Amino acid sequence: MEYTVKKLAKLAGVSSRTLRYYDEIGILKPARINSSRYRIYGRKEVDQLQQILFYRELGLELEKIKKIITSSSFDPAQALLDHRRKLLAKRAQLDQLIDSVDKTIAASEGRITMQDKEKFDAFKQRLVDENEKKYGKEVREKYGNNTVEKSNQQVLKMSEAEYEEVQRLEKEMKDELSKGLKTGNPASEAAQKAAALHRQWLSFFWVKYTLEAHAGIAQMYVDDERFTAYYDDEEPGTAKFLRDAVQIYTGAK
């Protein structure tokens, strides 16, 4: 079956403008242009749009998606399996959070007794899942599955106080980064304090800290657009500034 822009947009739940933009940037070209100058999409383009929307749901930027789906090594079937695995992980995380909320409600109503540790299990699991999503592939390749699993267990065994400390460190680190960014100097007092706080924050996730690994992960924040987008969300240039500050802190620069 073939679709015009309007019909495909309605089918996929996106705007016609979105499809035209996808054509402009080369991420989704129509199969052909008919005699009336309408864009016409076929089965191949429908499947490709589905892949794009899957990746968008997982938070990837369009430029990254374009590189993935236009690569000669792209395997649509394998991509679907990867989407499924990531969505199942996301669902499991949501199910755990819902279970935690249900238990908290029951405890507040006096129907069950909830241990303090249970109140934070879902949040610690979320930390593990997010850490795995951000660094899992790279860290496993570099340090091995055993090291990563030990690190994950370290997080899951955090006490309530340790969990709160992780949250505090991340917030303070971002505050100091913001101050340092205003100076434009990664060697400034605020920037170096941010790098030190970043080290303390990492230590809650890593079994063993090294200066080399610290510098390496800071570089990854710049090399991988997912991390760049996370740190640059409020202030563009934050990821590169943190990288430079950490390189000075660790002696890599």
Protein backbone atom coordinates (compact mmCIF):
# COMPACT_ATOMS: atom_id res chain seq x y z
CA MET A 1 0.00 0.00 0.00
CA GLU A 2 1.18 3.54 -0.71
CA TYR A 3 0.61 6.70 1.30
CA THR A 4 0.74 10.43 0.74
CA VAL A 5 2.29 12.64 3.42
CA LYS A 6 -1.15 13.38 4.88
CA LYS A 7 -2.21 9.73 5.04
CA LEU A 8 1.08 8.48 6.49
CA ALA A 9 1.09 11.25 9.05
CA LYS A 10 -2.40 10.24 10.19
CA LEU A 11 -1.43 6.57 10.27
CA ALA A 12 1.71 7.17 12.36
CA GLY A 13 0.29 9.86 14.63
CA VAL A 14 2.78 12.53 13.56
CA SER A 15 2.34 15.80 11.72
CA SER A 16 2.70 16.27 7.97
CA ARG A 17 5.30 18.91 8.79
CA THR A 18 7.35 16.27 10.63
CA LEU A 19 7.42 14.00 7.58
CA ARG A 20 8.42 16.88 5.32
CA TYR A 21 11.20 17.76 7.75
CA TYR A 22 12.39 14.14 7.82
CA ASP A 23 12.59 14.30 4.03
CA GLU A 24 14.55 17.57 4.15
CA ILE A 25 17.19 16.20 6.51
CA GLY A 26 17.41 12.89 4.65
CA ILE A 27 16.30 10.58 7.43
CA LEU A 28 13.10 9.46 5.66
CA LYS A 29 12.85 10.04 1.90
CA PRO A 30 9.64 9.18 0.02
CA ALA A 31 9.70 6.23 -2.36
CA ARG A 32 8.83 8.55 -5.22
CA ILE A 33 7.26 11.87 -6.20
CA ASN A 34 4.10 11.45 -8.31
CA SER A 35 2.99 13.55 -11.26
CA SER A 36 1.16 15.92 -8.91
CA ARG A 37 4.42 16.50 -6.99
CA TYR A 38 3.11 14.60 -3.95
CA ARG A 39 5.49 12.58 -1.85
CA ILE A 40 4.54 8.89 -1.97
CA TYR A 41 5.64 6.40 0.69
CA GLY A 42 5.63 2.61 0.42
CA ARG A 43 6.11 -0.35 2.77
CA LYS A 44 9.84 0.22 3.14
CA GLU A 45 9.31 3.82 4.23
CA VAL A 46 6.53 2.82 6.64
CA ASP A 47 8.87 0.35 8.32
CA GLN A 48 11.64 2.95 8.42
CA LEU A 49 9.34 5.51 10.03
CA GLN A 50 8.42 2.95 12.67
CA GLN A 51 12.12 2.47 13.46
CA ILE A 52 12.62 6.22 13.72
CA LEU A 53 9.72 6.58 16.14
CA PHE A 54 11.02 3.67 18.24
CA TYR A 55 14.39 5.40 18.56
CA ARG A 56 12.72 8.71 19.37
CA GLU A 57 10.80 7.03 22.20
CA LEU A 58 14.14 5.85 23.56
CA GLY A 59 15.40 9.42 23.62
CA LEU A 60 17.83 9.48 20.69
CA GLU A 61 18.43 12.63 18.69
CA LEU A 62 17.50 12.66 15.00
CA GLU A 63 21.10 12.99 13.83
CA LYS A 64 22.05 9.90 15.82
CA ILE A 65 19.05 7.98 14.47
CA LYS A 66 19.98 8.95 10.93
CA LYS A 67 23.49 7.58 11.38
CA ILE A 68 22.10 4.32 12.74
CA ILE A 69 19.41 3.57 10.18
CA THR A 70 21.41 4.71 7.14
CA SER A 71 24.46 2.67 8.12
CA SER A 72 25.35 -0.21 5.80
CA SER A 73 25.47 -2.49 8.85
CA PHE A 74 21.97 -1.58 10.07
CA ASP A 75 19.85 -4.68 10.66
CA PRO A 76 16.11 -3.83 11.04
CA ALA A 77 15.29 -7.20 12.62
CA GLN A 78 18.06 -6.87 15.21
CA ALA A 79 17.01 -3.28 15.86
CA LEU A 80 13.50 -4.46 16.71
CA LEU A 81 14.91 -6.99 19.17
CA ASP A 82 17.00 -4.24 20.77
CA HIS A 83 13.93 -1.98 20.99
CA ARG A 84 12.00 -4.78 22.66
CA ARG A 85 14.75 -5.43 25.21
CA LYS A 86 15.00 -1.74 26.13
CA LEU A 87 11.24 -1.32 26.36
CA LEU A 88 10.94 -4.38 28.60
CA ALA A 89 13.62 -2.92 30.86
CA LYS A 90 11.72 0.38 30.95
CA ARG A 91 8.49 -1.46 31.76
CA ALA A 92 10.18 -3.41 34.55
CA GLN A 93 11.45 -0.17 36.04
CA LEU A 94 7.96 1.38 35.94
CA ASP A 95 6.43 -1.77 37.43
CA GLN A 96 8.90 -1.60 40.31
CA LEU A 97 8.11 2.06 40.94
CA ILE A 98 4.36 1.32 40.88
CA ASP A 99 4.88 -1.55 43.33
CA SER A 100 6.82 0.77 45.63
CA VAL A 101 4.01 3.35 45.51
CA ASP A 102 1.39 0.66 46.22
CA LYS A 103 3.35 -0.59 49.23
CA THR A 104 3.82 2.95 50.53
CA ILE A 105 0.07 3.59 50.26
CA ALA A 106 -0.69 0.32 52.05
CA ALA A 107 1.84 1.18 54.77
CA SER A 108 0.35 4.66 55.23
CA GLU A 109 -3.07 3.05 55.68
CA GLY A 110 -1.71 0.59 58.22
CA ARG A 111 -2.34 -2.50 56.09
CA ILE A 112 1.35 -3.52 55.92
CA THR A 113 4.65 -2.65 57.54
CA MET A 114 7.23 -1.28 55.13
CA GLN A 115 10.92 -1.27 55.98
CA ASP A 116 12.82 1.95 55.28
CA LYS A 117 15.08 0.07 52.87
CA GLU A 118 12.09 -0.97 50.76
CA LYS A 119 11.13 2.66 50.22
CA PHE A 120 14.27 3.24 48.21
CA ASP A 121 14.78 -0.07 46.41
CA ALA A 122 12.96 1.09 43.27
CA PHE A 123 14.95 4.30 43.10
CA LYS A 124 18.25 2.48 43.50
CA GLN A 125 17.23 0.07 40.76
CA ARG A 126 16.52 3.09 38.58
CA LEU A 127 20.03 4.36 39.26
CA VAL A 128 21.44 1.01 38.16
CA ASP A 129 19.27 0.95 35.04
CA GLU A 130 20.20 4.50 34.06
CA ASN A 131 23.88 3.84 34.72
CA GLU A 132 23.68 0.70 32.62
CA LYS A 133 21.98 2.61 29.82
CA LYS A 134 24.55 5.41 29.87
CA TYR A 135 27.77 3.52 30.46
CA GLY A 136 26.96 -0.18 30.29
CA LYS A 137 28.23 -1.08 26.85
CA GLU A 138 31.44 0.93 27.08
CA VAL A 139 32.25 -0.09 30.65
CA ARG A 140 31.54 -3.79 30.04
CA GLU A 141 33.80 -3.78 27.01
CA LYS A 142 36.59 -2.08 28.93
CA TYR A 143 36.33 -3.66 32.39
CA GLY A 144 34.31 -6.84 31.88
CA ASN A 145 30.87 -8.03 32.98
CA ASN A 146 32.07 -9.10 36.44
CA THR A 147 33.22 -5.60 37.36
CA VAL A 148 29.99 -4.07 36.15
CA GLU A 149 27.85 -6.56 38.07
CA LYS A 150 29.81 -5.85 41.27
CA SER A 151 29.26 -2.15 40.70
CA ASN A 152 25.52 -2.66 40.25
CA GLN A 153 25.32 -4.68 43.45
CA GLN A 154 27.19 -1.92 45.24
CA VAL A 155 24.47 0.54 44.25
CA LEU A 156 21.61 -1.78 45.17
CA LYS A 157 23.09 -2.25 48.65
CA MET A 158 23.21 1.50 49.32
CA SER A 159 21.73 2.62 52.60
CA GLU A 160 19.13 5.36 52.70
CA ALA A 161 21.82 7.84 53.75
CA GLU A 162 24.12 6.78 50.91
CA TYR A 163 21.32 7.11 48.38
CA GLU A 164 20.55 10.62 49.60
CA GLU A 165 24.25 11.47 49.43
CA VAL A 166 24.39 10.42 45.77
CA GLN A 167 21.49 12.76 45.02
CA ARG A 168 23.10 15.59 46.96
CA LEU A 169 26.48 15.16 45.27
CA GLU A 170 24.97 15.25 41.80
CA LYS A 171 23.04 18.44 42.55
CA GLU A 172 26.03 20.15 44.16
CA MET A 173 28.27 19.10 41.28
CA LYS A 174 25.87 20.66 38.75
CA ASP A 175 25.64 23.85 40.81
CA GLU A 176 29.43 24.17 40.90
CA LEU A 177 29.64 23.40 37.18
CA SER A 178 27.22 26.24 36.51
CA LYS A 179 29.34 28.62 38.56
CA GLY A 180 32.53 27.46 36.85
CA LEU A 181 30.98 27.73 33.40
CA LYS A 182 30.31 31.40 33.99
CA THR A 183 34.04 31.98 34.52
CA GLY A 184 34.92 30.10 31.35
CA ASN A 185 37.93 28.65 33.15
CA PRO A 186 37.97 24.86 33.78
CA ALA A 187 40.86 25.40 36.23
CA SER A 188 38.77 27.77 38.37
CA GLU A 189 37.96 26.92 41.97
CA ALA A 190 34.31 26.13 41.16
CA ALA A 191 35.24 23.96 38.17
CA GLN A 192 37.78 21.96 40.14
CA LYS A 193 35.34 21.55 43.02
CA ALA A 194 32.84 20.19 40.49
CA ALA A 195 35.43 17.69 39.24
CA ALA A 196 36.13 16.58 42.82
CA LEU A 197 32.40 16.18 43.49
CA HIS A 198 32.11 14.21 40.27
CA ARG A 199 34.79 11.86 41.56
CA GLN A 200 32.88 11.37 44.83
CA TRP A 201 29.68 10.73 42.89
CA LEU A 202 31.37 8.15 40.63
CA SER A 203 32.79 6.37 43.66
CA PHE A 204 29.28 5.29 44.65
CA PHE A 205 28.98 3.43 41.34
CA TRP A 206 32.51 2.21 40.69
CA VAL A 207 34.17 -0.63 42.57
CA LYS A 208 37.56 0.93 41.92
CA TYR A 209 38.33 4.54 41.00
CA THR A 210 41.27 5.52 38.81
CA LEU A 211 42.30 8.91 37.44
CA GLU A 212 42.55 7.43 33.95
CA ALA A 213 39.00 6.05 34.06
CA HIS A 214 37.71 9.36 35.43
CA ALA A 215 39.27 11.27 32.53
CA GLY A 216 37.98 8.65 30.10
CA ILE A 217 34.37 8.88 31.18
CA ALA A 218 34.48 12.67 31.09
CA GLN A 219 35.69 12.43 27.49
CA MET A 220 32.79 10.09 26.76
CA TYR A 221 30.38 12.82 27.87
CA VAL A 222 31.62 14.83 24.89
CA ASP A 223 31.98 11.97 22.39
CA ASP A 224 28.51 10.53 22.96
CA GLU A 225 25.66 12.91 22.19
CA ARG A 226 23.36 11.25 24.73
CA PHE A 227 25.61 12.35 27.57
CA THR A 228 26.26 15.72 25.97
CA ALA A 229 22.52 16.36 25.75
CA TYR A 230 22.08 15.39 29.42
CA TYR A 231 24.74 17.78 30.71
CA ASP A 232 23.96 20.53 28.18
CA ASP A 233 20.25 20.44 28.91
CA GLU A 234 20.24 23.67 30.92
CA GLU A 235 23.51 25.26 29.78
CA PRO A 236 25.10 24.42 26.40
CA GLY A 237 28.80 23.65 26.66
CA THR A 238 28.56 22.07 30.13
CA ALA A 239 29.70 18.62 28.98
CA LYS A 240 32.87 19.96 27.35
CA PHE A 241 33.54 22.21 30.34
CA LEU A 242 33.22 19.25 32.72
CA ARG A 243 35.53 17.21 30.48
CA ASP A 244 38.15 19.96 30.55
CA ALA A 245 37.81 20.40 34.32
CA VAL A 246 38.19 16.66 34.95
CA GLN A 247 41.20 16.45 32.65
CA ILE A 248 42.89 19.15 34.71
CA TYR A 249 41.79 17.50 37.96
CA THR A 250 43.16 14.10 36.92
CA GLY A 251 46.31 15.48 35.31
CA ALA A 252 45.28 14.30 31.86
CA LYS A 253 45.61 17.84 30.55
